[in-house]
Amino acid sequence: MTVTPDVMTKDAALAFRHDFDPTMLREYDIRGIVGKTLHQADAFAIGRCFGTVVARAGGHVVAVGYDGRLSSPDLEPSLVDGLKASGMEVVRVGLGPTPMLYYAAATLGTDGAIMLTGSHNPPDYNGFKMVLKGKPFFGTQIRDLGAMAAAGDVVAEAAGSARDVDVAADYVARLISDWDGGDRILNVVWDNGNGAAGETLKRLVASLPGRHTVLFGEIDGRFPNHHPDPTVAKNLEALVSEVRARNADIGIAFDGDADRIGVVDDTGAMMFGDQLLVVLARDVLKNLPGSTIIADVKASQVLFDEIAKAGGKPLMWRTGHSLIKAKMAETGSPLAGEMSGHTFYADKWYGFDDALYAAVRLLGIVARMDGKLSDVRLALPQVVNTPELRFNCDDTRKFVVIEEVAARLKAAGAKLSDIDGVRVQTEDGWWLLRASNTQAVLVARCEATSEAGLERLKTALVDQLAASGLEAPDFSGANAGH
C-alpha cells in the first residue's frame, strides 16, 4: 500500500501538535533522558513525523530495531504506533545491535529505518538513529522533524501495519561470508559490555574459527560491569586483563549498540581509532589501490601519511558518523573511520558503521599476519599527543570563537584546514580546535613528534583561546604516546 501524503486539516494538526524538549534534537540523532526529557509521547511523535517524511518521499516501509536498555521495550511500541498512524508498513527487527537494523534496511529494501538506542550514553538515556532511503537522516532534517511536530505538519492519519522479521541469522551469515583469515588459529577475547550485540555476538563467535572468550555477553541495560564506551581506557580494564591472562592475540570491545569498536593488541595496549584504520586501510588498498580513505579531523597525521604510503588517497573530513557516511557515498570511498571507533566499510559491505563487521575483517587481517598486532602498532611512527580535550563554551559563543581563531590564523599566514573547526599544521606537528555539534563545548587536540614540540603547540592553542577571552583547557595528565 502506498500512502497518499495528504496534509491534515488545521484542527487535526493542532490536535496532534507535539513539542520536543529542545535538548533532544541533536546533530546526528535524537536523544534524551527517559522520564525527564524523553517520554512515550515523544516516541510516538517521532514515528508520526518520520513516517510523514517517508510518505512524502513516496515510501511506505520502515524498519525498526531497539537496543538492550531497560526503557527500549516500552518506547518501541509507541514508536511503531506513530509510524503506523502515518500509514507505514513497519518491519520490526527486534532487539539487537544498530548495524543489524541497518543491514535489515539495506537488504529488505525499506524506505527508512529507525533504531531506538541510547548508544554509549548512561543507562537512563535513550534515543533514535534514523535512515531515509539508505542515507543518514541528520542535521537540518532532524531540526525540521521538530518543527513538523510543533506545527502538527503530518500526513492524515492512516491505518498502517506491522510485522516481525528475524534477520539475526542472515546478518551473522553475511558477516561470516567475508571472513578471509588464513590457517592461523586466533585466541580472541571479546567485551560486549552488556550491550545490544550480546546474542548476535554469541552466534558470530560460534561460527568463526579460533578460540573465543566473551566478557559480559548478557544484554543488560543497567551496564553493571562498566560503561559501554570502548574509547575510554578505564572501560577496557577487564578486557586488557583477560587478554594478558589468556595470552590472547587480540581483544575487541563494542559500545552499547555495537556501531563503534575498541581494540587492544596482544600486549593489552589500546589501539586508537586512527591506528586501527591504518591496519584496515593497508589491507583494503592491496586490492583497491588508489582508493580514497576517509578519516575525521581528529585523526593523527601518521594515519594520513600511512594511507598515502600504502598507495591510497587520504581525505580528512568533518567529525560525525553521518557526515562521514555521506562523504563516503559522494567520493566512492571503500573505507572510512573516526577516532571514536566508528568504522565504515563500503568494500564488500554496505557503507554503514558496523563494529561486528569491522571485527571480522580485522581478525582476518591478524590471522594472515606473520607477526603480532603489537608489531604493527609499534612500527608506526611514534608521536606524542594529548587526548581529546573537551571544555565548556556557550552553544552560541563556541562557533564565534572558531571564526575568531580562524580569522587571526589566516591573517598570520598559518597553514590550516578549516573543514571542521581549525586544524593548524606547524613544524612541530598540529593542533585542533573545533566546536562540538552535540554539546556546549569546544574540543581540542595537539600532536607532535617531541615533548618540546607538544608544549609549543599547547602554548599556541592557549594563546588563541586567551585572545578570544577563554581560559586554557586542563592539560594535566594529557600527554600520551600514540
Protein backbone atom coordinates (compact mmCIF):
# COMPACT_ATOMS: atom_id res chain seq x y z
CA MET A 1 0.00 0.00 0.00
CA THR A 2 1.38 3.41 -0.98
CA VAL A 3 0.39 6.22 1.33
CA THR A 4 -1.09 9.36 -0.17
CA PRO A 5 0.59 12.18 1.78
CA ASP A 6 -2.49 14.32 2.39
CA VAL A 7 -1.89 17.07 4.93
CA MET A 8 -4.28 17.00 7.88
CA THR A 9 -6.87 19.67 8.40
CA LYS A 10 -5.84 22.58 10.64
CA ASP A 11 -7.92 21.29 13.56
CA ALA A 12 -6.50 17.78 13.23
CA ALA A 13 -2.97 19.16 13.03
CA LEU A 14 -3.44 21.15 16.21
CA ALA A 15 -4.81 18.04 17.91
CA PHE A 16 -1.59 16.19 17.04
CA ARG A 17 0.86 19.03 17.73
CA HIS A 18 3.82 17.98 19.89
CA ASP A 19 6.79 19.83 21.36
CA PHE A 20 10.09 18.02 21.97
CA ASP A 21 12.42 19.08 24.73
CA PRO A 22 14.94 21.20 22.75
CA THR A 23 17.90 19.29 24.23
CA MET A 24 16.73 16.11 22.47
CA LEU A 25 17.27 17.23 18.89
CA ARG A 26 20.97 16.54 18.24
CA GLU A 27 23.07 16.86 15.11
CA TYR A 28 23.18 13.12 14.35
CA ASP A 29 20.25 11.68 16.26
CA ILE A 30 17.50 12.36 18.81
CA ARG A 31 18.46 11.58 22.41
CA GLY A 32 17.07 12.26 25.87
CA ILE A 33 16.78 11.20 29.50
CA VAL A 34 13.90 8.76 29.94
CA GLY A 35 11.18 10.14 32.19
CA LYS A 36 12.64 13.64 32.12
CA THR A 37 13.21 14.83 28.55
CA LEU A 38 12.11 11.66 26.73
CA HIS A 39 8.69 10.02 27.10
CA GLN A 40 6.48 7.59 25.19
CA ALA A 41 4.63 10.55 23.63
CA ASP A 42 7.94 11.67 22.12
CA ALA A 43 8.50 8.21 20.63
CA PHE A 44 5.03 8.30 19.06
CA ALA A 45 5.65 11.80 17.67
CA ILE A 46 8.99 10.76 16.16
CA GLY A 47 7.29 7.84 14.45
CA ARG A 48 4.42 10.02 13.23
CA CYS A 49 6.69 12.73 11.84
CA PHE A 50 9.33 10.42 10.35
CA GLY A 51 6.54 8.36 8.77
CA THR A 52 5.27 11.58 7.23
CA VAL A 53 8.72 12.33 5.79
CA VAL A 54 8.88 8.83 4.30
CA ALA A 55 5.35 9.11 2.88
CA ARG A 56 6.05 12.47 1.26
CA ALA A 57 9.18 10.97 -0.30
CA GLY A 58 7.00 8.28 -1.88
CA GLY A 59 7.85 5.49 0.55
CA HIS A 60 5.79 3.31 2.86
CA VAL A 61 8.06 0.73 4.59
CA VAL A 62 10.16 1.49 7.69
CA ALA A 63 12.34 -0.94 9.65
CA VAL A 64 12.56 -0.56 13.44
CA GLY A 65 15.00 -2.09 15.91
CA TYR A 66 15.87 -1.46 19.55
CA ASP A 67 18.78 -1.92 21.95
CA GLY A 68 19.02 -3.56 25.35
CA ARG A 69 18.20 -0.56 27.53
CA LEU A 70 15.54 -1.06 30.16
CA SER A 71 13.35 1.62 28.57
CA SER A 72 13.55 0.33 25.00
CA PRO A 73 10.76 -2.31 25.18
CA ASP A 74 8.38 0.39 26.46
CA LEU A 75 9.33 3.06 23.91
CA GLU A 76 9.42 0.80 20.84
CA PRO A 77 5.63 0.13 20.66
CA SER A 78 4.91 3.87 20.83
CA LEU A 79 7.41 4.50 18.02
CA VAL A 80 5.77 1.78 15.93
CA ASP A 81 2.29 3.20 16.64
CA GLY A 82 3.42 6.61 15.41
CA LEU A 83 4.73 5.12 12.18
CA LYS A 84 1.54 3.13 11.68
CA ALA A 85 -0.53 6.28 12.22
CA SER A 86 1.33 7.72 9.21
CA GLY A 87 0.31 4.72 7.14
CA MET A 88 3.68 2.98 7.30
CA GLU A 89 4.26 -0.74 6.96
CA VAL A 90 6.62 -1.32 9.90
CA VAL A 91 9.19 -4.12 9.80
CA ARG A 92 10.06 -4.91 13.42
CA VAL A 93 13.56 -6.35 13.62
CA GLY A 94 13.51 -6.52 17.42
CA LEU A 95 16.37 -6.45 19.93
CA GLY A 96 19.88 -6.27 18.52
CA PRO A 97 22.80 -4.03 17.54
CA THR A 98 22.29 -0.91 15.44
CA PRO A 99 24.18 -2.30 12.41
CA MET A 100 21.79 -5.27 12.29
CA LEU A 101 18.96 -2.77 11.82
CA TYR A 102 20.99 -1.02 9.09
CA TYR A 103 21.55 -4.42 7.46
CA ALA A 104 17.82 -5.15 7.52
CA ALA A 105 17.06 -1.80 5.89
CA ALA A 106 19.66 -2.38 3.18
CA THR A 107 18.74 -5.96 2.34
CA LEU A 108 14.97 -5.76 2.73
CA GLY A 109 14.81 -2.59 0.68
CA THR A 110 12.88 -0.50 3.20
CA ASP A 111 12.30 3.19 2.58
CA GLY A 112 13.50 4.19 6.03
CA ALA A 113 14.75 2.84 9.34
CA ILE A 114 14.77 3.90 12.97
CA MET A 115 16.98 2.41 15.66
CA LEU A 116 15.88 3.00 19.24
CA THR A 117 19.17 3.26 21.12
CA GLY A 118 21.00 5.31 23.71
CA SER A 119 24.33 4.25 22.16
CA HIS A 120 27.10 4.75 24.75
CA ASN A 121 25.16 7.16 26.98
CA PRO A 122 24.36 6.38 30.64
CA PRO A 123 21.58 3.83 31.37
CA ASP A 124 18.82 6.44 31.87
CA TYR A 125 19.25 7.78 28.31
CA ASN A 126 17.66 6.57 25.11
CA GLY A 127 17.39 7.88 21.59
CA PHE A 128 16.68 7.38 17.89
CA LYS A 129 19.02 6.97 14.91
CA MET A 130 17.34 7.31 11.53
CA VAL A 131 17.98 6.39 7.91
CA LEU A 132 16.00 7.67 4.91
CA LYS A 133 16.29 5.85 1.59
CA GLY A 134 19.65 4.38 2.55
CA LYS A 135 21.17 7.68 3.65
CA PRO A 136 21.74 9.07 7.15
CA PHE A 137 18.98 11.36 8.43
CA PHE A 138 20.67 14.16 10.38
CA GLY A 139 21.35 17.88 10.84
CA THR A 140 18.66 20.10 9.40
CA GLN A 141 16.47 17.05 8.75
CA ILE A 142 16.26 16.38 12.49
CA ARG A 143 15.56 20.04 13.25
CA ASP A 144 12.86 20.03 10.58
CA LEU A 145 11.31 16.99 12.28
CA GLY A 146 11.00 19.04 15.45
CA ALA A 147 9.35 21.88 13.54
CA MET A 148 6.91 19.46 11.91
CA ALA A 149 5.84 18.14 15.30
CA ALA A 150 5.41 21.64 16.74
CA ALA A 151 3.22 22.65 13.79
CA GLY A 152 1.31 19.38 13.56
CA ASP A 153 2.55 19.14 9.98
CA VAL A 154 1.92 15.45 9.34
CA VAL A 155 0.02 13.33 6.83
CA ALA A 156 -3.60 12.45 7.50
CA GLU A 157 -3.97 9.57 9.93
CA ALA A 158 -3.92 6.20 8.22
CA ALA A 159 -4.05 2.57 9.26
CA GLY A 160 -0.56 1.20 8.83
CA SER A 161 0.63 -2.26 9.72
CA ALA A 162 3.49 -4.02 11.49
CA ARG A 163 5.17 -7.40 11.12
CA ASP A 164 8.08 -9.10 12.88
CA VAL A 165 11.11 -10.13 10.84
CA ASP A 166 14.04 -12.09 12.29
CA VAL A 167 17.18 -11.09 10.37
CA ALA A 168 19.73 -12.17 13.00
CA ALA A 169 20.70 -15.45 11.35
CA ASP A 170 21.00 -13.84 7.91
CA TYR A 171 23.02 -10.97 9.34
CA VAL A 172 25.52 -13.27 11.07
CA ALA A 173 25.79 -15.46 7.96
CA ARG A 174 26.54 -12.37 5.90
CA LEU A 175 29.20 -11.27 8.41
CA ILE A 176 30.85 -14.68 8.25
CA SER A 177 30.78 -14.76 4.44
CA ASP A 178 33.55 -12.14 4.31
CA TRP A 179 35.89 -13.98 6.69
CA ASP A 180 39.24 -14.20 4.91
CA GLY A 181 41.69 -15.41 7.55
CA GLY A 182 44.48 -17.89 6.94
CA ASP A 183 45.40 -21.08 8.77
CA ARG A 184 46.47 -19.34 11.98
CA ILE A 185 44.19 -20.15 14.91
CA LEU A 186 43.48 -16.94 16.80
CA ASN A 187 42.87 -16.57 20.50
CA VAL A 188 40.36 -13.73 20.82
CA VAL A 189 38.76 -12.01 23.81
CA TRP A 190 35.57 -10.01 23.25
CA ASP A 191 33.98 -7.46 25.60
CA ASN A 192 30.31 -6.96 24.84
CA GLY A 193 29.93 -4.59 27.80
CA ASN A 194 26.38 -5.95 28.35
CA GLY A 195 25.41 -4.16 25.15
CA ALA A 196 22.87 -4.96 22.45
CA ALA A 197 25.26 -7.13 20.42
CA GLY A 198 25.08 -9.92 23.02
CA GLU A 199 23.05 -12.61 21.21
CA THR A 200 24.41 -11.66 17.80
CA LEU A 201 27.98 -11.87 19.09
CA LYS A 202 27.25 -15.30 20.59
CA ARG A 203 26.17 -16.55 17.16
CA LEU A 204 29.13 -14.89 15.47
CA VAL A 205 31.85 -16.42 17.64
CA ALA A 206 30.22 -19.83 17.32
CA SER A 207 30.73 -19.58 13.55
CA LEU A 208 34.24 -18.07 13.50
CA PRO A 209 37.36 -20.26 13.62
CA GLY A 210 39.66 -19.84 16.61
CA ARG A 211 39.31 -19.73 20.40
CA HIS A 212 36.91 -17.12 21.70
CA THR A 213 36.17 -15.73 25.16
CA VAL A 214 33.22 -13.34 25.58
CA LEU A 215 33.09 -10.99 28.56
CA PHE A 216 29.78 -9.54 29.76
CA GLY A 217 27.84 -11.14 26.93
CA GLU A 218 24.46 -10.83 28.64
CA ILE A 219 22.38 -7.92 27.42
CA ASP A 220 21.73 -5.76 30.49
CA GLY A 221 20.63 -2.13 30.14
CA ARG A 222 21.99 -1.29 33.58
CA PHE A 223 25.55 -1.91 32.30
CA PRO A 224 26.62 -3.38 35.64
CA ASN A 225 30.24 -4.14 34.73
CA HIS A 226 31.42 -0.96 33.04
CA HIS A 227 30.17 1.90 30.89
CA PRO A 228 29.82 0.79 27.25
CA ASP A 229 32.25 3.22 25.60
CA PRO A 230 35.32 1.44 24.17
CA THR A 231 37.29 4.65 23.56
CA VAL A 232 37.79 5.21 27.30
CA ALA A 233 40.73 3.25 28.73
CA LYS A 234 39.03 2.65 32.08
CA ASN A 235 36.22 0.76 30.34
CA LEU A 236 38.73 -1.64 28.78
CA GLU A 237 40.44 -2.71 32.02
CA ALA A 238 38.67 -6.08 32.19
CA LEU A 239 39.41 -6.75 28.51
CA VAL A 240 43.09 -5.86 28.91
CA SER A 241 43.39 -8.09 31.97
CA GLU A 242 41.77 -11.04 30.19
CA VAL A 243 43.89 -10.63 27.03
CA ARG A 244 47.04 -10.74 29.14
CA ALA A 245 45.84 -13.61 31.32
CA ARG A 246 44.92 -15.74 28.30
CA ASN A 247 47.91 -14.68 26.20
CA ALA A 248 45.37 -13.73 23.53
CA ASP A 249 46.17 -12.37 20.08
CA ILE A 250 43.67 -9.52 20.30
CA GLY A 251 40.84 -8.04 22.36
CA ILE A 252 37.76 -6.43 20.83
CA ALA A 253 35.13 -4.27 22.55
CA PHE A 254 31.87 -2.66 21.45
CA ASP A 255 29.83 0.30 22.58
CA GLY A 256 26.22 -0.10 23.73
CA ASP A 257 24.75 -0.61 20.26
CA ALA A 258 27.86 -2.04 18.52
CA ASP A 259 28.36 0.59 15.85
CA ARG A 260 31.73 1.54 17.43
CA ILE A 261 34.71 -0.72 18.02
CA GLY A 262 37.57 -0.67 20.51
CA VAL A 263 40.70 -2.80 20.12
CA VAL A 264 43.59 -3.86 22.35
CA ASP A 265 46.57 -5.70 20.89
CA ASP A 266 48.29 -8.86 22.13
CA THR A 267 50.19 -6.90 24.82
CA GLY A 268 46.96 -5.37 26.13
CA ALA A 269 47.82 -1.94 24.73
CA MET A 270 44.86 0.10 23.48
CA MET A 271 44.84 0.83 19.75
CA PHE A 272 43.39 4.23 18.93
CA GLY A 273 40.84 4.61 16.15
CA ASP A 274 43.39 6.05 13.72
CA GLN A 275 45.91 3.26 14.42
CA LEU A 276 43.20 0.69 13.73
CA LEU A 277 42.34 2.42 10.46
CA VAL A 278 45.99 2.16 9.34
CA VAL A 279 45.74 -1.63 9.66
CA LEU A 280 42.39 -1.81 7.87
CA ALA A 281 43.39 0.66 5.12
CA ARG A 282 46.58 -1.18 4.19
CA ASP A 283 44.53 -4.33 3.66
CA VAL A 284 41.86 -2.65 1.53
CA LEU A 285 44.43 -0.82 -0.58
CA LYS A 286 46.13 -4.09 -1.59
CA ASN A 287 43.06 -4.88 -3.71
CA LEU A 288 41.85 -1.34 -4.37
CA PRO A 289 45.00 0.75 -4.96
CA GLY A 290 44.49 4.47 -5.34
CA SER A 291 41.23 4.45 -3.37
CA THR A 292 40.16 7.35 -1.17
CA ILE A 293 40.31 6.52 2.55
CA ILE A 294 38.48 8.96 4.84
CA ALA A 295 39.21 9.85 8.45
CA ASP A 296 37.93 12.61 10.69
CA VAL A 297 39.80 15.78 11.52
CA LYS A 298 40.83 14.48 14.95
CA ALA A 299 42.94 11.66 13.49
CA SER A 300 46.74 11.55 13.68
CA GLN A 301 48.83 12.85 10.80
CA VAL A 302 50.50 9.43 10.95
CA LEU A 303 47.29 7.89 9.59
CA PHE A 304 47.07 10.21 6.59
CA ASP A 305 50.78 9.68 5.83
CA GLU A 306 50.46 5.89 6.10
CA ILE A 307 47.43 5.84 3.77
CA ALA A 308 49.48 7.71 1.17
CA LYS A 309 52.46 5.35 1.65
CA ALA A 310 50.13 2.38 1.07
CA GLY A 311 49.00 3.84 -2.26
CA GLY A 312 45.75 5.43 -1.13
CA LYS A 313 44.35 8.94 -1.26
CA PRO A 314 43.87 10.19 2.31
CA LEU A 315 40.93 12.52 2.84
CA MET A 316 40.45 14.44 6.07
CA TRP A 317 36.78 15.15 6.78
CA ARG A 318 34.44 16.51 9.41
CA THR A 319 33.79 14.56 12.61
CA GLY A 320 30.40 12.82 12.81
CA HIS A 321 29.28 9.40 11.62
CA SER A 322 26.51 10.81 9.43
CA LEU A 323 28.89 13.29 7.79
CA ILE A 324 31.48 10.58 7.14
CA LYS A 325 28.89 8.24 5.60
CA ALA A 326 27.64 11.00 3.31
CA LYS A 327 31.21 11.80 2.19
CA MET A 328 31.90 8.12 1.51
CA ALA A 329 28.91 7.92 -0.80
CA GLU A 330 29.99 11.12 -2.55
CA THR A 331 33.60 10.01 -3.15
CA GLY A 332 33.13 6.29 -3.63
CA SER A 333 35.45 5.59 -0.73
CA PRO A 334 35.69 1.90 0.27
CA LEU A 335 36.72 2.60 3.87
CA ALA A 336 36.48 5.33 6.49
CA GLY A 337 36.88 5.71 10.21
CA GLU A 338 36.75 8.06 13.16
CA MET A 339 38.76 8.39 16.35
CA SER A 340 35.53 7.50 18.17
CA GLY A 341 35.67 3.95 16.78
CA HIS A 342 33.01 4.31 14.09
CA THR A 343 34.37 2.20 11.21
CA PHE A 344 32.71 2.18 7.80
CA TYR A 345 33.26 -0.42 5.09
CA ALA A 346 31.87 0.02 1.59
CA ASP A 347 34.36 -2.59 0.35
CA LYS A 348 32.23 -5.77 0.18
CA TRP A 349 29.83 -4.21 2.73
CA TYR A 350 27.10 -1.54 2.74
CA GLY A 351 28.88 1.64 3.82
CA PHE A 352 27.39 1.91 7.30
CA ASP A 353 29.28 1.81 10.61
CA ASP A 354 29.38 -1.75 11.90
CA ALA A 355 31.73 -2.81 14.69
CA LEU A 356 30.90 -6.51 14.23
CA TYR A 357 31.82 -6.40 10.56
CA ALA A 358 34.96 -4.38 11.25
CA ALA A 359 35.92 -7.04 13.81
CA VAL A 360 35.54 -9.86 11.27
CA ARG A 361 37.71 -8.02 8.73
CA LEU A 362 40.30 -7.15 11.38
CA LEU A 363 40.53 -10.75 12.62
CA GLY A 364 41.05 -11.90 9.05
CA ILE A 365 43.98 -9.50 8.73
CA VAL A 366 45.53 -10.61 12.02
CA ALA A 367 45.09 -14.29 11.08
CA ARG A 368 47.10 -13.66 7.91
CA MET A 369 49.90 -11.77 9.67
CA ASP A 370 53.36 -13.31 10.03
CA GLY A 371 53.87 -11.44 13.30
CA LYS A 372 51.76 -9.90 16.04
CA LEU A 373 49.35 -6.98 16.01
CA SER A 374 51.58 -5.19 18.52
CA ASP A 375 54.44 -5.36 16.00
CA VAL A 376 52.33 -3.33 13.58
CA ARG A 377 51.42 -0.78 16.24
CA LEU A 378 55.00 -0.35 17.44
CA ALA A 379 56.32 0.00 13.88
CA LEU A 380 54.18 3.10 13.29
CA PRO A 381 55.94 6.47 13.60
CA GLN A 382 55.83 7.39 17.27
CA VAL A 383 54.28 10.71 18.22
CA VAL A 384 53.18 12.35 21.46
CA ASN A 385 49.77 13.90 21.78
CA THR A 386 47.01 15.00 24.05
CA PRO A 387 43.78 13.02 24.22
CA GLU A 388 40.61 14.77 23.12
CA LEU A 389 40.23 17.81 25.40
CA ARG A 390 36.65 18.98 25.96
CA PHE A 391 35.81 22.20 27.81
CA ASN A 392 32.62 24.19 28.28
CA CYS A 393 31.68 27.03 25.96
CA ASP A 394 28.25 28.56 25.37
CA ASP A 395 26.38 27.00 22.44
CA THR A 396 26.29 30.27 20.50
CA ARG A 397 29.72 31.50 21.52
CA LYS A 398 31.53 28.27 20.55
CA PHE A 399 31.04 28.86 16.82
CA VAL A 400 32.05 32.53 17.10
CA VAL A 401 35.27 31.52 18.85
CA ILE A 402 36.17 29.23 15.95
CA GLU A 403 35.53 32.06 13.48
CA GLU A 404 37.71 34.44 15.51
CA VAL A 405 40.57 31.96 15.78
CA ALA A 406 40.40 31.10 12.07
CA ALA A 407 40.45 34.78 11.09
CA ARG A 408 43.52 35.50 13.24
CA LEU A 409 45.39 32.47 11.96
CA LYS A 410 44.64 33.22 8.30
CA ALA A 411 45.77 36.81 8.78
CA ALA A 412 49.02 35.50 10.27
CA GLY A 413 49.56 33.20 7.28
CA ALA A 414 49.22 29.97 9.26
CA LYS A 415 48.93 26.65 7.45
CA LEU A 416 45.49 25.37 8.37
CA SER A 417 42.44 23.36 7.41
CA ASP A 418 39.04 24.79 8.30
CA ILE A 419 36.75 21.96 7.14
CA ASP A 420 35.75 21.31 10.77
CA GLY A 421 36.95 23.99 13.18
CA VAL A 422 40.64 24.82 12.67
CA ARG A 423 43.47 22.30 12.37
CA VAL A 424 46.84 24.08 12.32
CA GLN A 425 49.97 22.46 10.88
CA THR A 426 53.41 23.58 12.11
CA GLU A 427 56.95 22.18 12.02
CA ASP A 428 56.24 20.59 15.41
CA GLY A 429 53.02 18.83 14.38
CA TRP A 430 49.42 20.04 14.56
CA TRP A 431 46.73 21.29 16.90
CA LEU A 432 42.96 21.28 16.51
CA LEU A 433 40.13 23.39 17.88
CA ARG A 434 36.54 22.65 16.88
CA ALA A 435 33.03 23.20 18.19
CA SER A 436 31.10 20.10 19.23
CA ASN A 437 27.98 19.52 17.15
CA THR A 438 26.14 17.92 20.06
CA GLN A 439 27.18 19.75 23.24
CA ALA A 440 28.04 23.24 24.53
CA VAL A 441 31.76 22.50 24.43
CA LEU A 442 34.88 23.18 22.42
CA VAL A 443 37.13 20.26 21.53
CA ALA A 444 40.91 20.50 21.24
CA ARG A 445 43.79 18.13 20.48
CA CYS A 446 47.53 18.52 19.87
CA GLU A 447 50.05 16.11 18.34
CA ALA A 448 53.82 16.49 17.94
CA THR A 449 56.95 14.48 17.23
CA SER A 450 58.56 15.52 20.53
CA GLU A 451 57.60 16.59 24.05
CA ALA A 452 59.10 20.03 23.47
CA GLY A 453 57.12 20.40 20.26
CA LEU A 454 53.92 19.37 22.03
CA GLU A 455 54.47 22.10 24.63
CA ARG A 456 54.83 24.68 21.87
CA LEU A 457 51.62 23.50 20.22
CA LYS A 458 49.76 23.67 23.53
CA THR A 459 51.05 27.20 24.07
CA ALA A 460 49.84 28.26 20.62
CA LEU A 461 46.39 26.82 21.36
CA VAL A 462 46.21 28.52 24.75
CA ASP A 463 47.25 31.86 23.22
CA GLN A 464 44.43 31.68 20.68
CA LEU A 465 41.88 30.80 23.35
CA ALA A 466 43.09 33.70 25.51
CA ALA A 467 42.74 36.08 22.57
CA SER A 468 39.06 35.09 22.46
CA GLY A 469 38.65 35.51 26.22
CA LEU A 470 38.71 31.81 27.15
CA GLU A 471 40.77 30.00 29.75
CA ALA A 472 43.13 27.18 28.88
CA PRO A 473 41.80 23.60 28.99
CA ASP A 474 43.12 21.23 31.66
CA PHE A 475 46.19 19.54 30.18
CA SER A 476 47.07 17.64 33.37
CA GLY A 477 48.00 14.09 32.51
CA ALA A 478 47.19 14.81 28.88
CA ASN A 479 50.41 13.71 27.16
CA ALA A 480 50.28 10.24 25.72
CA GLY A 481 52.37 8.27 23.27
CA HIS A 482 50.44 7.29 20.18
